[in-house]
């Protein structure tokens, strides 16, 4: 799978279960809401002084997205979209 870089801000709805980890449920990008079926993986990244939690998620359409949460500001971005072929 190859990825297309996006880098757009998004709005995210997530849950943080007691004793669990944050789990994104859906996100809004370009006036459209994308439902997340499951989190495939997550990782922490640090760029300079900025910490980011990155989630690789599977959308209900079968598409794969990378969404990132900037820990200090709680801002979310759509980082990349997975493309088949």
C-alpha atoms as a PDB file:
ATOM      1  CA  UNK A   1       0.000   0.000   0.000  1.00  0.00           C
ATOM      2  CA  UNK A   2       1.233   3.489  -0.770  1.00  0.00           C
ATOM      3  CA  UNK A   3       0.172   6.649   1.020  1.00  0.00           C
ATOM      4  CA  UNK A   4      -0.839  10.124  -0.093  1.00  0.00           C
ATOM      5  CA  UNK A   5       0.330  12.880   2.245  1.00  0.00           C
ATOM      6  CA  UNK A   6      -2.523  15.170   3.362  1.00  0.00           C
ATOM      7  CA  UNK A   7      -1.656  17.311   6.413  1.00  0.00           C
ATOM      8  CA  UNK A   8      -5.131  18.865   6.906  1.00  0.00           C
ATOM      9  CA  UNK A   9      -6.691  19.701  10.257  1.00  0.00           C
ATOM     10  CA  UNK A  10      -9.653  17.541  11.214  1.00  0.00           C
ATOM     11  CA  UNK A  11     -12.209  17.250  14.000  1.00  0.00           C
ATOM     12  CA  UNK A  12     -12.238  13.940  15.881  1.00  0.00           C
ATOM     13  CA  UNK A  13     -14.710  12.239  18.184  1.00  0.00           C
ATOM     14  CA  UNK A  14     -12.973   9.798  20.502  1.00  0.00           C
ATOM     15  CA  UNK A  15     -13.567   7.896  23.728  1.00  0.00           C
ATOM     16  CA  UNK A  16     -11.225   7.438  26.630  1.00  0.00           C
ATOM     17  CA  UNK A  17     -12.503   4.405  28.557  1.00  0.00           C
ATOM     18  CA  UNK A  18     -11.643   4.139  32.247  1.00  0.00           C
ATOM     19  CA  UNK A  19      -8.309   2.353  32.498  1.00  0.00           C
ATOM     20  CA  UNK A  20      -7.972   2.313  28.725  1.00  0.00           C
ATOM     21  CA  UNK A  21      -6.355   4.267  25.933  1.00  0.00           C
ATOM     22  CA  UNK A  22      -7.885   6.970  23.799  1.00  0.00           C
ATOM     23  CA  UNK A  23      -9.756   5.514  20.838  1.00  0.00           C
ATOM     24  CA  UNK A  24     -10.832   7.673  17.868  1.00  0.00           C
ATOM     25  CA  UNK A  25     -14.356   6.797  16.642  1.00  0.00           C
ATOM     26  CA  UNK A  26     -14.866   9.162  13.694  1.00  0.00           C
ATOM     27  CA  UNK A  27     -13.422  12.254  12.096  1.00  0.00           C
ATOM     28  CA  UNK A  28     -14.643  15.129   9.964  1.00  0.00           C
ATOM     29  CA  UNK A  29     -12.610  16.187   6.936  1.00  0.00           C
ATOM     30  CA  UNK A  30     -13.768  18.574   4.208  1.00  0.00           C
ATOM     31  CA  UNK A  31     -17.349  18.645   5.533  1.00  0.00           C
ATOM     32  CA  UNK A  32     -17.644  14.835   5.452  1.00  0.00           C
ATOM     33  CA  UNK A  33     -17.726  12.481   8.450  1.00  0.00           C
ATOM     34  CA  UNK A  34     -15.654   9.278   8.285  1.00  0.00           C
ATOM     35  CA  UNK A  35     -16.525   6.466  10.689  1.00  0.00           C
ATOM     36  CA  UNK A  36     -13.589   4.475  12.065  1.00  0.00           C
ATOM     37  CA  UNK A  37     -14.169   0.728  12.198  1.00  0.00           C
ATOM     38  CA  UNK A  38     -11.011  -0.052  14.155  1.00  0.00           C
ATOM     39  CA  UNK A  39      -7.616   1.209  15.181  1.00  0.00           C
ATOM     40  CA  UNK A  40      -4.970  -0.859  13.387  1.00  0.00           C
ATOM     41  CA  UNK A  41      -2.018   0.556  15.311  1.00  0.00           C
ATOM     42  CA  UNK A  42      -0.811   3.582  17.223  1.00  0.00           C
ATOM     43  CA  UNK A  43       2.564   5.093  17.973  1.00  0.00           C
ATOM     44  CA  UNK A  44       4.127   8.167  19.540  1.00  0.00           C
ATOM     45  CA  UNK A  45       6.293  10.478  17.464  1.00  0.00           C
ATOM     46  CA  UNK A  46       8.370  13.462  18.468  1.00  0.00           C
ATOM     47  CA  UNK A  47       9.295  16.184  16.004  1.00  0.00           C
ATOM     48  CA  UNK A  48      11.522  18.759  17.674  1.00  0.00           C
ATOM     49  CA  UNK A  49       9.608  19.852  20.771  1.00  0.00           C
ATOM     50  CA  UNK A  50       6.242  18.503  19.572  1.00  0.00           C
ATOM     51  CA  UNK A  51       4.809  15.167  20.725  1.00  0.00           C
ATOM     52  CA  UNK A  52       2.221  13.516  18.528  1.00  0.00           C
ATOM     53  CA  UNK A  53       0.155  10.362  18.927  1.00  0.00           C
ATOM     54  CA  UNK A  54      -0.426   8.783  15.511  1.00  0.00           C
ATOM     55  CA  UNK A  55      -3.245   6.320  14.842  1.00  0.00           C
ATOM     56  CA  UNK A  56      -3.506   4.126  11.771  1.00  0.00           C
ATOM     57  CA  UNK A  57      -7.216   3.475  11.388  1.00  0.00           C
ATOM     58  CA  UNK A  58      -9.532   1.514   9.120  1.00  0.00           C
ATOM     59  CA  UNK A  59     -12.543   3.452   7.857  1.00  0.00           C
ATOM     60  CA  UNK A  60     -15.936   1.840   7.304  1.00  0.00           C
ATOM     61  CA  UNK A  61     -15.331   2.126   3.539  1.00  0.00           C
ATOM     62  CA  UNK A  62     -12.210  -0.061   3.863  1.00  0.00           C
ATOM     63  CA  UNK A  63      -9.817   2.865   3.393  1.00  0.00           C
ATOM     64  CA  UNK A  64      -6.826   3.302   5.710  1.00  0.00           C
ATOM     65  CA  UNK A  65      -6.019   6.666   7.282  1.00  0.00           C
ATOM     66  CA  UNK A  66      -3.274   8.024   9.526  1.00  0.00           C
ATOM     67  CA  UNK A  67      -4.581  10.605  11.981  1.00  0.00           C
ATOM     68  CA  UNK A  68      -2.392  12.441  14.447  1.00  0.00           C
ATOM     69  CA  UNK A  69      -3.122  14.164  17.734  1.00  0.00           C
ATOM     70  CA  UNK A  70      -0.726  16.863  18.904  1.00  0.00           C
ATOM     71  CA  UNK A  71      -0.508  16.098  22.611  1.00  0.00           C
ATOM     72  CA  UNK A  72       0.096  19.649  23.908  1.00  0.00           C
ATOM     73  CA  UNK A  73      -2.641  21.396  21.901  1.00  0.00           C
ATOM     74  CA  UNK A  74      -5.075  18.496  21.381  1.00  0.00           C
ATOM     75  CA  UNK A  75      -5.243  19.457  17.676  1.00  0.00           C
ATOM     76  CA  UNK A  76      -5.870  16.637  15.206  1.00  0.00           C
ATOM     77  CA  UNK A  77      -4.631  16.234  11.634  1.00  0.00           C
ATOM     78  CA  UNK A  78      -5.291  13.824   8.806  1.00  0.00           C
ATOM     79  CA  UNK A  79      -1.702  12.948   7.998  1.00  0.00           C
ATOM     80  CA  UNK A  80      -2.001  10.406   5.186  1.00  0.00           C
ATOM     81  CA  UNK A  81      -4.499   8.268   3.282  1.00  0.00           C
ATOM     82  CA  UNK A  82      -3.644   4.718   2.238  1.00  0.00           C
ATOM     83  CA  UNK A  83      -4.055   4.013  -1.465  1.00  0.00           C
ATOM     84  CA  UNK A  84      -4.291   0.565  -3.035  1.00  0.00           C
ATOM     85  CA  UNK A  85      -2.007  -0.270  -5.922  1.00  0.00           C
END
